[in-house]
């Protein structure tokens, strides 16, 4: 609903079905809780860059 919103999911579920469904629904990144901290930060920075590009 908001064009300046990027959705990242941080989850404990590594089921491919959940990730696939989330991506179909417009989630920009699907990360596991076991992801390395720098991967989480990189995903947030990519989301920020996409928001800035939309402006």
Protein backbone atom coordinates (compact mmCIF):
# COMPACT_ATOMS: atom_id res chain seq x y z
CA UNK A 1 0.00 0.00 0.00
CA UNK A 2 2.91 2.32 0.63
CA UNK A 3 5.30 2.65 -2.30
CA UNK A 4 8.18 3.60 0.00
CA UNK A 5 8.00 0.45 2.11
CA UNK A 6 10.40 -2.46 1.77
CA UNK A 7 9.66 -5.61 3.73
CA UNK A 8 12.39 -7.86 5.08
CA UNK A 9 11.50 -11.08 6.85
CA UNK A 10 13.77 -12.45 9.55
CA UNK A 11 12.51 -15.88 10.51
CA UNK A 12 13.40 -19.20 12.01
CA UNK A 13 11.49 -21.07 9.30
CA UNK A 14 13.78 -22.33 6.55
CA UNK A 15 10.92 -24.02 4.69
CA UNK A 16 11.23 -23.10 1.00
CA UNK A 17 7.44 -22.82 0.73
CA UNK A 18 7.40 -19.92 3.20
CA UNK A 19 10.17 -18.09 1.39
CA UNK A 20 8.55 -18.64 -1.98
CA UNK A 21 5.19 -17.34 -0.75
CA UNK A 22 6.79 -14.31 0.89
CA UNK A 23 8.59 -13.36 -2.31
CA UNK A 24 5.38 -13.72 -4.30
CA UNK A 25 3.71 -11.35 -1.85
CA UNK A 26 6.36 -8.69 -2.47
CA UNK A 27 8.85 -9.25 0.33
CA UNK A 28 12.21 -7.95 -0.81
CA UNK A 29 14.34 -10.27 1.34
CA UNK A 30 13.82 -13.44 3.36
CA UNK A 31 16.51 -14.05 5.95
CA UNK A 32 16.93 -16.78 8.51
CA UNK A 33 17.67 -15.95 12.14
CA UNK A 34 20.87 -17.89 11.67
CA UNK A 35 22.03 -15.40 9.00
CA UNK A 36 25.28 -13.67 9.72
CA UNK A 37 24.88 -10.16 11.13
CA UNK A 38 26.64 -8.60 8.15
CA UNK A 39 24.18 -10.32 5.78
CA UNK A 40 21.29 -8.80 7.71
CA UNK A 41 22.88 -5.35 7.59
CA UNK A 42 23.52 -5.72 3.84
CA UNK A 43 19.87 -6.65 3.26
CA UNK A 44 18.75 -3.56 5.21
CA UNK A 45 21.10 -1.35 3.21
CA UNK A 46 19.78 -2.81 -0.08
CA UNK A 47 16.24 -2.07 1.08
CA UNK A 48 17.26 1.49 1.94
CA UNK A 49 18.82 1.93 -1.49
CA UNK A 50 15.63 0.72 -3.19
CA UNK A 51 13.59 3.20 -1.15
CA UNK A 52 15.89 6.04 -2.15
CA UNK A 53 15.70 5.00 -5.82
CA UNK A 54 11.90 5.17 -5.70
CA UNK A 55 11.98 8.74 -4.41
